[in-house]
Amino acid sequence: MTENTNIERLLVFTGKGGVGKTTLAMCMACYLKEQGKEVLYVSFEEPEDVEIFLKLGIKKKTLEVAASAEGYVGKKLGSKTLARWVCETKFFKSLLNMLPGFSYVILLGNILELLHNDENLHIVLDSPSSGHAITMFESCYNFKEVFKSGLIVDDINKMLEYIHQGSILKVYIAALPTEMAIQEGMELHSSLKTMGIENIDIVINNSLAHMKELEQAPKLPMSLKAKIELEKNVIENSNQISQKIIPHSLEVNNIQVISDLKPSVGHCA
């Protein structure tokens, strides 16, 4: 490990669907880029609005299991041609279907290889759901138990050592400012902690209670005041773990929303 790897360079955004993970991840990518960092936005699914990355000047990469598996096998066999043939066989495809978690091990390996090959690179990973994040990290430990020893276990050990000894991993669990959503985030927090992942923040997104516009408003409807008070109570009651608050944005355009929230997300870095 070089000194350069002892910083957070793999920033994973996860949480339940619909909590704003993609927006937060893009805000972080923009913030890091403005700080002069080399940034790559990575996702498991092709983003709906591809043009926005061009407008923001952010590099993106969509991870694909087939391509990542072919690359991994090619390195082990020393031949891209042979790897392509192996990965096209029914046996190999069946193996991935029978061991779905193994694809996440391959994808995580792909991500770590990108970081290892470029010590200046920062990757912001937009994980589509809580389940994906847990499976990605949990699979490494599961397959160590399944295979016990061999090339795959050796590679998994190297991956885990790189993550933990290098202190490169930071996980952000996004949640909405409701009791149930924050509780789900805390459960995910606990699950990741059992895997030895320590650097975790819960990011409470879309908070009305932390909007400066509403704080300065002379008079608010009773229903809105009640919602804000409920938010404050929920957030206060859940402050026993590290958490960050992102205010609601009044902007409508995606570019404007990202510009509006970027400073708040930058404070999470």
C-alpha atoms as a PDB file:
ATOM      1  CA  MET A   1       0.000   0.000   0.000  1.00  0.00           C
ATOM      2  CA  THR A   2       1.259   3.465  -0.820  1.00  0.00           C
ATOM      3  CA  GLU A   3       0.378   6.508   1.237  1.00  0.00           C
ATOM      4  CA  ASN A   4      -1.962   7.620  -1.554  1.00  0.00           C
ATOM      5  CA  THR A   5      -4.326   4.695  -0.907  1.00  0.00           C
ATOM      6  CA  ASN A   6      -4.932   5.651   2.720  1.00  0.00           C
ATOM      7  CA  ILE A   7      -7.760   7.997   1.809  1.00  0.00           C
ATOM      8  CA  GLU A   8     -11.402   7.466   0.916  1.00  0.00           C
ATOM      9  CA  ARG A   9     -11.409   6.704  -2.795  1.00  0.00           C
ATOM     10  CA  LEU A  10     -14.393   4.331  -3.054  1.00  0.00           C
ATOM     11  CA  LEU A  11     -17.549   6.156  -1.999  1.00  0.00           C
ATOM     12  CA  VAL A  12     -20.616   3.918  -2.068  1.00  0.00           C
ATOM     13  CA  PHE A  13     -24.122   5.399  -1.989  1.00  0.00           C
ATOM     14  CA  THR A  14     -26.799   2.910  -0.995  1.00  0.00           C
ATOM     15  CA  GLY A  15     -30.237   2.741   0.645  1.00  0.00           C
ATOM     16  CA  LYS A  16     -33.815   1.951  -0.242  1.00  0.00           C
ATOM     17  CA  GLY A  17     -35.221   2.832  -3.648  1.00  0.00           C
ATOM     18  CA  GLY A  18     -36.514   6.363  -4.149  1.00  0.00           C
ATOM     19  CA  VAL A  19     -34.424   8.078  -1.460  1.00  0.00           C
ATOM     20  CA  GLY A  20     -32.306  10.077  -3.900  1.00  0.00           C
ATOM     21  CA  LYS A  21     -29.138   7.942  -4.012  1.00  0.00           C
ATOM     22  CA  THR A  22     -28.377   8.785  -7.639  1.00  0.00           C
ATOM     23  CA  THR A  23     -28.739  12.532  -7.089  1.00  0.00           C
ATOM     24  CA  LEU A  24     -26.531  12.384  -3.973  1.00  0.00           C
ATOM     25  CA  ALA A  25     -23.930  10.285  -5.793  1.00  0.00           C
ATOM     26  CA  MET A  26     -23.842  12.740  -8.701  1.00  0.00           C
ATOM     27  CA  CYS A  27     -23.550  15.668  -6.275  1.00  0.00           C
ATOM     28  CA  MET A  28     -20.561  13.982  -4.626  1.00  0.00           C
ATOM     29  CA  ALA A  29     -18.947  13.265  -8.000  1.00  0.00           C
ATOM     30  CA  CYS A  30     -19.361  16.944  -8.984  1.00  0.00           C
ATOM     31  CA  TYR A  31     -18.014  18.120  -5.629  1.00  0.00           C
ATOM     32  CA  LEU A  32     -14.906  15.929  -5.865  1.00  0.00           C
ATOM     33  CA  LYS A  33     -14.329  17.046  -9.451  1.00  0.00           C
ATOM     34  CA  GLU A  34     -14.443  20.686  -8.324  1.00  0.00           C
ATOM     35  CA  GLN A  35     -11.867  19.819  -5.658  1.00  0.00           C
ATOM     36  CA  GLY A  36      -9.505  18.788  -8.443  1.00  0.00           C
ATOM     37  CA  LYS A  37      -9.977  15.034  -7.958  1.00  0.00           C
ATOM     38  CA  GLU A  38     -10.049  12.498 -10.765  1.00  0.00           C
ATOM     39  CA  VAL A  39     -13.580  11.078 -10.489  1.00  0.00           C
ATOM     40  CA  LEU A  40     -15.462   8.188 -12.070  1.00  0.00           C
ATOM     41  CA  TYR A  41     -19.194   7.672 -11.458  1.00  0.00           C
ATOM     42  CA  VAL A  42     -19.964   3.946 -11.498  1.00  0.00           C
ATOM     43  CA  SER A  43     -23.347   2.211 -11.525  1.00  0.00           C
ATOM     44  CA  PHE A  44     -24.710  -1.307 -11.996  1.00  0.00           C
ATOM     45  CA  GLU A  45     -27.433  -0.045 -14.315  1.00  0.00           C
ATOM     46  CA  GLU A  46     -27.288   2.383 -17.239  1.00  0.00           C
ATOM     47  CA  PRO A  47     -28.541   5.787 -15.988  1.00  0.00           C
ATOM     48  CA  GLU A  48     -31.756   7.025 -17.562  1.00  0.00           C
ATOM     49  CA  ASP A  49     -30.392  10.503 -18.294  1.00  0.00           C
ATOM     50  CA  VAL A  50     -27.026   9.885 -19.959  1.00  0.00           C
ATOM     51  CA  GLU A  51     -26.766  13.432 -21.320  1.00  0.00           C
ATOM     52  CA  ILE A  52     -26.545  14.886 -17.810  1.00  0.00           C
ATOM     53  CA  PHE A  53     -23.053  13.412 -17.362  1.00  0.00           C
ATOM     54  CA  LEU A  54     -21.847  15.227 -20.460  1.00  0.00           C
ATOM     55  CA  LYS A  55     -23.330  18.480 -19.187  1.00  0.00           C
ATOM     56  CA  LEU A  56     -21.724  18.028 -15.769  1.00  0.00           C
ATOM     57  CA  GLY A  57     -18.421  16.845 -17.234  1.00  0.00           C
ATOM     58  CA  ILE A  58     -18.418  13.647 -15.171  1.00  0.00           C
ATOM     59  CA  LYS A  59     -16.942  10.400 -16.460  1.00  0.00           C
ATOM     60  CA  LYS A  60     -19.237   7.399 -15.992  1.00  0.00           C
ATOM     61  CA  LYS A  61     -18.976   3.642 -16.268  1.00  0.00           C
ATOM     62  CA  THR A  62     -21.742   1.038 -16.169  1.00  0.00           C
ATOM     63  CA  LEU A  63     -20.550  -2.291 -14.802  1.00  0.00           C
ATOM     64  CA  GLU A  64     -21.650  -5.401 -16.676  1.00  0.00           C
ATOM     65  CA  VAL A  65     -21.269  -8.887 -15.235  1.00  0.00           C
ATOM     66  CA  ALA A  66     -20.418 -10.539 -18.567  1.00  0.00           C
ATOM     67  CA  ALA A  67     -17.660  -8.076 -19.452  1.00  0.00           C
ATOM     68  CA  SER A  68     -16.232  -8.083 -15.907  1.00  0.00           C
ATOM     69  CA  ALA A  69     -16.264 -11.894 -15.748  1.00  0.00           C
ATOM     70  CA  GLU A  70     -14.579 -12.153 -19.142  1.00  0.00           C
ATOM     71  CA  GLY A  71     -11.872  -9.751 -18.022  1.00  0.00           C
ATOM     72  CA  TYR A  72     -11.307 -11.687 -14.798  1.00  0.00           C
ATOM     73  CA  VAL A  73     -11.114 -15.073 -16.527  1.00  0.00           C
ATOM     74  CA  GLY A  74      -8.840 -13.585 -19.205  1.00  0.00           C
ATOM     75  CA  LYS A  75      -6.316 -12.500 -16.583  1.00  0.00           C
ATOM     76  CA  LYS A  76      -6.340 -15.961 -14.970  1.00  0.00           C
ATOM     77  CA  LEU A  77      -5.947 -17.791 -18.277  1.00  0.00           C
ATOM     78  CA  GLY A  78      -3.643 -15.247 -19.877  1.00  0.00           C
ATOM     79  CA  SER A  79      -5.799 -15.143 -22.989  1.00  0.00           C
ATOM     80  CA  LYS A  80      -8.715 -12.867 -23.904  1.00  0.00           C
ATOM     81  CA  THR A  81      -9.754 -15.218 -26.702  1.00  0.00           C
ATOM     82  CA  LEU A  82      -9.892 -18.267 -24.437  1.00  0.00           C
ATOM     83  CA  ALA A  83     -11.711 -16.254 -21.775  1.00  0.00           C
ATOM     84  CA  ARG A  84     -14.354 -15.202 -24.297  1.00  0.00           C
ATOM     85  CA  TRP A  85     -14.914 -18.858 -25.226  1.00  0.00           C
ATOM     86  CA  VAL A  86     -15.123 -19.973 -21.561  1.00  0.00           C
ATOM     87  CA  CYS A  87     -17.587 -17.228 -20.626  1.00  0.00           C
ATOM     88  CA  GLU A  88     -19.838 -18.150 -23.553  1.00  0.00           C
ATOM     89  CA  THR A  89     -20.181 -21.782 -22.469  1.00  0.00           C
ATOM     90  CA  LYS A  90     -23.443 -22.960 -20.926  1.00  0.00           C
ATOM     91  CA  PHE A  91     -21.545 -24.251 -17.899  1.00  0.00           C
ATOM     92  CA  PHE A  92     -20.059 -20.859 -17.034  1.00  0.00           C
ATOM     93  CA  LYS A  93     -23.358 -19.039 -17.548  1.00  0.00           C
ATOM     94  CA  SER A  94     -25.120 -21.651 -15.405  1.00  0.00           C
ATOM     95  CA  LEU A  95     -22.461 -21.209 -12.742  1.00  0.00           C
ATOM     96  CA  LEU A  96     -23.194 -17.475 -12.515  1.00  0.00           C
ATOM     97  CA  ASN A  97     -26.931 -18.206 -12.327  1.00  0.00           C
ATOM     98  CA  MET A  98     -26.452 -20.819  -9.587  1.00  0.00           C
ATOM     99  CA  LEU A  99     -24.148 -18.510  -7.633  1.00  0.00           C
ATOM    100  CA  PRO A 100     -25.693 -15.064  -8.212  1.00  0.00           C
ATOM    101  CA  GLY A 101     -23.649 -13.470  -5.452  1.00  0.00           C
ATOM    102  CA  PHE A 102     -20.459 -14.418  -7.244  1.00  0.00           C
ATOM    103  CA  SER A 103     -21.189 -11.836  -9.920  1.00  0.00           C
ATOM    104  CA  TYR A 104     -20.957  -9.144  -7.217  1.00  0.00           C
ATOM    105  CA  VAL A 105     -17.540 -10.450  -6.185  1.00  0.00           C
ATOM    106  CA  ILE A 106     -16.411 -10.073  -9.792  1.00  0.00           C
ATOM    107  CA  LEU A 107     -17.913  -6.574 -10.050  1.00  0.00           C
ATOM    108  CA  LEU A 108     -16.316  -5.452  -6.781  1.00  0.00           C
ATOM    109  CA  GLY A 109     -13.018  -6.853  -8.025  1.00  0.00           C
ATOM    110  CA  ASN A 110     -13.413  -4.811 -11.212  1.00  0.00           C
ATOM    111  CA  ILE A 111     -13.948  -1.639  -9.164  1.00  0.00           C
ATOM    112  CA  LEU A 112     -10.961  -2.283  -6.917  1.00  0.00           C
ATOM    113  CA  GLU A 113      -8.762  -3.019  -9.910  1.00  0.00           C
ATOM    114  CA  LEU A 114      -9.626   0.395 -11.363  1.00  0.00           C
ATOM    115  CA  LEU A 115      -8.598   2.019  -8.071  1.00  0.00           C
ATOM    116  CA  HIS A 116      -5.447  -0.064  -7.795  1.00  0.00           C
ATOM    117  CA  ASN A 117      -4.335   0.829 -11.325  1.00  0.00           C
ATOM    118  CA  ASP A 118      -4.841   4.563 -10.777  1.00  0.00           C
ATOM    119  CA  GLU A 119      -3.927   5.832  -7.314  1.00  0.00           C
ATOM    120  CA  ASN A 120      -5.413   9.255  -8.082  1.00  0.00           C
ATOM    121  CA  LEU A 121      -8.831   7.893  -9.049  1.00  0.00           C
ATOM    122  CA  HIS A 122     -11.930   8.372  -6.874  1.00  0.00           C
ATOM    123  CA  ILE A 123     -14.948   6.177  -7.640  1.00  0.00           C
ATOM    124  CA  VAL A 124     -18.469   7.159  -6.625  1.00  0.00           C
ATOM    125  CA  LEU A 125     -20.567   3.985  -6.752  1.00  0.00           C
ATOM    126  CA  ASP A 126     -24.329   4.363  -7.129  1.00  0.00           C
ATOM    127  CA  SER A 127     -25.664   1.108  -5.685  1.00  0.00           C
ATOM    128  CA  PRO A 128     -29.277   0.537  -6.807  1.00  0.00           C
ATOM    129  CA  SER A 129     -30.590  -0.697  -3.438  1.00  0.00           C
ATOM    130  CA  SER A 130     -29.670  -1.754   0.084  1.00  0.00           C
ATOM    131  CA  GLY A 131     -29.773  -5.396  -0.972  1.00  0.00           C
ATOM    132  CA  HIS A 132     -27.173  -4.842  -3.684  1.00  0.00           C
ATOM    133  CA  ALA A 133     -24.749  -3.215  -1.256  1.00  0.00           C
ATOM    134  CA  ILE A 134     -25.100  -5.958   1.358  1.00  0.00           C
ATOM    135  CA  THR A 135     -24.791  -8.715  -1.259  1.00  0.00           C
ATOM    136  CA  MET A 136     -21.708  -7.121  -2.806  1.00  0.00           C
ATOM    137  CA  PHE A 137     -19.762  -7.111   0.461  1.00  0.00           C
ATOM    138  CA  GLU A 138     -21.374 -10.178   2.041  1.00  0.00           C
ATOM    139  CA  SER A 139     -20.606 -12.318  -1.017  1.00  0.00           C
ATOM    140  CA  CYS A 140     -16.876 -11.923  -0.433  1.00  0.00           C
ATOM    141  CA  TYR A 141     -17.176 -13.531   3.001  1.00  0.00           C
ATOM    142  CA  ASN A 142     -19.684 -16.148   1.813  1.00  0.00           C
ATOM    143  CA  PHE A 143     -17.481 -17.372  -1.021  1.00  0.00           C
ATOM    144  CA  LYS A 144     -14.469 -17.552   1.253  1.00  0.00           C
ATOM    145  CA  GLU A 145     -16.480 -20.051   3.285  1.00  0.00           C
ATOM    146  CA  VAL A 146     -17.697 -21.912   0.186  1.00  0.00           C
ATOM    147  CA  PHE A 147     -14.331 -22.340  -1.537  1.00  0.00           C
ATOM    148  CA  LYS A 148     -12.085 -22.358   1.602  1.00  0.00           C
ATOM    149  CA  SER A 149      -8.906 -22.034  -0.485  1.00  0.00           C
ATOM    150  CA  GLY A 150      -7.682 -21.613  -4.043  1.00  0.00           C
ATOM    151  CA  LEU A 151      -7.285 -18.799  -6.548  1.00  0.00           C
ATOM    152  CA  ILE A 152     -10.706 -17.263  -5.914  1.00  0.00           C
ATOM    153  CA  VAL A 153     -10.198 -17.162  -2.138  1.00  0.00           C
ATOM    154  CA  ASP A 154      -6.728 -15.684  -2.627  1.00  0.00           C
ATOM    155  CA  ASP A 155      -8.207 -12.933  -4.782  1.00  0.00           C
ATOM    156  CA  ILE A 156     -11.036 -12.270  -2.297  1.00  0.00           C
ATOM    157  CA  ASN A 157      -8.501 -11.967   0.530  1.00  0.00           C
ATOM    158  CA  LYS A 158      -6.534  -9.447  -1.514  1.00  0.00           C
ATOM    159  CA  MET A 159      -9.732  -7.469  -2.171  1.00  0.00           C
ATOM    160  CA  LEU A 160     -10.712  -7.352   1.500  1.00  0.00           C
ATOM    161  CA  GLU A 161      -7.174  -6.454   2.548  1.00  0.00           C
ATOM    162  CA  TYR A 162      -7.102  -3.624   0.014  1.00  0.00           C
ATOM    163  CA  ILE A 163     -10.439  -2.274   1.281  1.00  0.00           C
ATOM    164  CA  HIS A 164      -9.689  -2.440   5.003  1.00  0.00           C
ATOM    165  CA  GLN A 165      -5.954  -1.769   5.243  1.00  0.00           C
ATOM    166  CA  GLY A 166      -6.091   1.020   2.706  1.00  0.00           C
ATOM    167  CA  SER A 167      -9.065   2.736   4.377  1.00  0.00           C
ATOM    168  CA  ILE A 168     -10.337   3.553   0.906  1.00  0.00           C
ATOM    169  CA  LEU A 169     -14.005   2.667   1.517  1.00  0.00           C
ATOM    170  CA  LYS A 170     -16.695   5.074   2.688  1.00  0.00           C
ATOM    171  CA  VAL A 171     -20.368   4.050   2.665  1.00  0.00           C
ATOM    172  CA  TYR A 172     -23.230   6.539   2.630  1.00  0.00           C
ATOM    173  CA  ILE A 173     -26.660   5.121   3.503  1.00  0.00           C
ATOM    174  CA  ALA A 174     -29.327   7.438   2.154  1.00  0.00           C
ATOM    175  CA  ALA A 175     -32.674   7.640   3.950  1.00  0.00           C
ATOM    176  CA  LEU A 176     -35.679   9.944   3.990  1.00  0.00           C
ATOM    177  CA  PRO A 177     -36.487  11.865   7.206  1.00  0.00           C
ATOM    178  CA  THR A 178     -39.106   9.417   8.490  1.00  0.00           C
ATOM    179  CA  GLU A 179     -38.890   7.045  11.433  1.00  0.00           C
ATOM    180  CA  MET A 180     -39.295   3.887   9.339  1.00  0.00           C
ATOM    181  CA  ALA A 181     -36.789   4.972   6.667  1.00  0.00           C
ATOM    182  CA  ILE A 182     -34.126   5.937   9.198  1.00  0.00           C
ATOM    183  CA  GLN A 183     -34.688   2.696  11.116  1.00  0.00           C
ATOM    184  CA  GLU A 184     -34.124   0.727   7.885  1.00  0.00           C
ATOM    185  CA  GLY A 185     -30.960   2.726   7.317  1.00  0.00           C
ATOM    186  CA  MET A 186     -29.761   1.911  10.827  1.00  0.00           C
ATOM    187  CA  GLU A 187     -30.397  -1.797  10.228  1.00  0.00           C
ATOM    188  CA  LEU A 188     -28.291  -1.644   7.066  1.00  0.00           C
ATOM    189  CA  HIS A 189     -25.656   0.237   9.063  1.00  0.00           C
ATOM    190  CA  SER A 190     -25.555  -2.627  11.603  1.00  0.00           C
ATOM    191  CA  SER A 191     -25.348  -5.282   8.862  1.00  0.00           C
ATOM    192  CA  LEU A 192     -22.370  -3.584   7.230  1.00  0.00           C
ATOM    193  CA  LYS A 193     -20.646  -3.129  10.599  1.00  0.00           C
ATOM    194  CA  THR A 194     -20.775  -6.899  11.187  1.00  0.00           C
ATOM    195  CA  MET A 195     -18.696  -7.279   7.993  1.00  0.00           C
ATOM    196  CA  GLY A 196     -15.966  -5.082   9.401  1.00  0.00           C
ATOM    197  CA  ILE A 197     -17.009  -1.953   7.494  1.00  0.00           C
ATOM    198  CA  GLU A 198     -16.540   0.928   9.920  1.00  0.00           C
ATOM    199  CA  ASN A 199     -16.578   4.097   7.825  1.00  0.00           C
ATOM    200  CA  ILE A 200     -20.338   4.579   7.402  1.00  0.00           C
ATOM    201  CA  ASP A 201     -22.585   7.651   7.488  1.00  0.00           C
ATOM    202  CA  ILE A 202     -26.356   7.792   7.304  1.00  0.00           C
ATOM    203  CA  VAL A 203     -27.390  10.641   5.021  1.00  0.00           C
ATOM    204  CA  ILE A 204     -30.881  11.926   5.747  1.00  0.00           C
ATOM    205  CA  ASN A 205     -32.014  13.356   2.446  1.00  0.00           C
ATOM    206  CA  ASN A 206     -34.797  15.718   1.393  1.00  0.00           C
ATOM    207  CA  SER A 207     -35.235  17.351   4.798  1.00  0.00           C
ATOM    208  CA  LEU A 208     -37.739  20.207   5.005  1.00  0.00           C
ATOM    209  CA  ALA A 209     -36.585  20.956   8.550  1.00  0.00           C
ATOM    210  CA  HIS A 210     -33.156  21.993   7.271  1.00  0.00           C
ATOM    211  CA  MET A 211     -34.269  24.280   4.445  1.00  0.00           C
ATOM    212  CA  LYS A 212     -33.048  27.838   4.986  1.00  0.00           C
ATOM    213  CA  GLU A 213     -35.971  29.138   2.915  1.00  0.00           C
ATOM    214  CA  LEU A 214     -38.480  27.653   5.373  1.00  0.00           C
ATOM    215  CA  GLU A 215     -36.472  28.667   8.433  1.00  0.00           C
ATOM    216  CA  GLN A 216     -36.650  32.280   7.282  1.00  0.00           C
ATOM    217  CA  ALA A 217     -40.292  32.169   6.183  1.00  0.00           C
ATOM    218  CA  PRO A 218     -42.471  34.497   8.324  1.00  0.00           C
ATOM    219  CA  LYS A 219     -45.488  32.184   8.402  1.00  0.00           C
ATOM    220  CA  LEU A 220     -46.028  28.559   7.426  1.00  0.00           C
ATOM    221  CA  PRO A 221     -49.219  26.471   7.068  1.00  0.00           C
ATOM    222  CA  MET A 222     -49.965  24.400  10.173  1.00  0.00           C
ATOM    223  CA  SER A 223     -49.633  21.128   8.237  1.00  0.00           C
ATOM    224  CA  LEU A 224     -46.148  22.077   7.037  1.00  0.00           C
ATOM    225  CA  LYS A 225     -45.095  23.213  10.517  1.00  0.00           C
ATOM    226  CA  ALA A 226     -46.294  19.889  11.935  1.00  0.00           C
ATOM    227  CA  LYS A 227     -44.312  17.941   9.324  1.00  0.00           C
ATOM    228  CA  ILE A 228     -41.164  19.939  10.079  1.00  0.00           C
ATOM    229  CA  GLU A 229     -41.521  19.337  13.829  1.00  0.00           C
ATOM    230  CA  LEU A 230     -42.032  15.617  13.210  1.00  0.00           C
ATOM    231  CA  GLU A 231     -38.878  15.537  11.082  1.00  0.00           C
ATOM    232  CA  LYS A 232     -36.877  17.310  13.793  1.00  0.00           C
ATOM    233  CA  ASN A 233     -38.025  14.816  16.423  1.00  0.00           C
ATOM    234  CA  VAL A 234     -37.245  11.814  14.221  1.00  0.00           C
ATOM    235  CA  ILE A 235     -33.775  13.102  13.375  1.00  0.00           C
ATOM    236  CA  GLU A 236     -33.013  14.017  16.999  1.00  0.00           C
ATOM    237  CA  ASN A 237     -34.075  10.577  18.231  1.00  0.00           C
ATOM    238  CA  SER A 238     -31.777   8.832  15.759  1.00  0.00           C
ATOM    239  CA  ASN A 239     -28.595  10.849  16.337  1.00  0.00           C
ATOM    240  CA  GLN A 240     -26.725   8.083  18.168  1.00  0.00           C
ATOM    241  CA  ILE A 241     -24.962   7.172  14.926  1.00  0.00           C
ATOM    242  CA  SER A 242     -23.043   9.314  12.455  1.00  0.00           C
ATOM    243  CA  GLN A 243     -25.475  11.102  10.186  1.00  0.00           C
ATOM    244  CA  LYS A 244     -25.546  13.979   7.705  1.00  0.00           C
ATOM    245  CA  ILE A 245     -28.549  16.076   6.726  1.00  0.00           C
ATOM    246  CA  ILE A 246     -29.324  17.157   3.156  1.00  0.00           C
ATOM    247  CA  PRO A 247     -32.103  19.754   2.775  1.00  0.00           C
ATOM    248  CA  HIS A 248     -34.954  19.563   0.307  1.00  0.00           C
ATOM    249  CA  SER A 249     -34.275  21.431  -2.933  1.00  0.00           C
ATOM    250  CA  LEU A 250     -36.882  23.684  -4.504  1.00  0.00           C
ATOM    251  CA  GLU A 251     -35.228  23.329  -7.914  1.00  0.00           C
ATOM    252  CA  VAL A 252     -36.884  21.217 -10.618  1.00  0.00           C
ATOM    253  CA  ASN A 253     -34.196  20.767 -13.273  1.00  0.00           C
ATOM    254  CA  ASN A 254     -31.736  17.946 -12.444  1.00  0.00           C
ATOM    255  CA  ILE A 255     -28.696  20.116 -13.138  1.00  0.00           C
ATOM    256  CA  GLN A 256     -30.055  22.846 -10.867  1.00  0.00           C
ATOM    257  CA  VAL A 257     -30.905  20.356  -8.105  1.00  0.00           C
ATOM    258  CA  ILE A 258     -27.357  18.967  -8.185  1.00  0.00           C
ATOM    259  CA  SER A 259     -25.911  22.487  -8.111  1.00  0.00           C
ATOM    260  CA  ASP A 260     -28.193  23.382  -5.201  1.00  0.00           C
ATOM    261  CA  LEU A 261     -27.393  20.324  -3.071  1.00  0.00           C
ATOM    262  CA  LYS A 262     -23.706  19.955  -3.958  1.00  0.00           C
ATOM    263  CA  PRO A 263     -22.416  22.116  -1.053  1.00  0.00           C
ATOM    264  CA  SER A 264     -24.424  20.105   1.489  1.00  0.00           C
ATOM    265  CA  VAL A 265     -23.263  16.797   0.034  1.00  0.00           C
ATOM    266  CA  GLY A 266     -19.696  18.144  -0.053  1.00  0.00           C
ATOM    267  CA  HIS A 267     -19.839  18.582   3.722  1.00  0.00           C
ATOM    268  CA  CYS A 268     -20.371  14.799   3.941  1.00  0.00           C
ATOM    269  CA  ALA A 269     -17.015  14.122   2.279  1.00  0.00           C
END
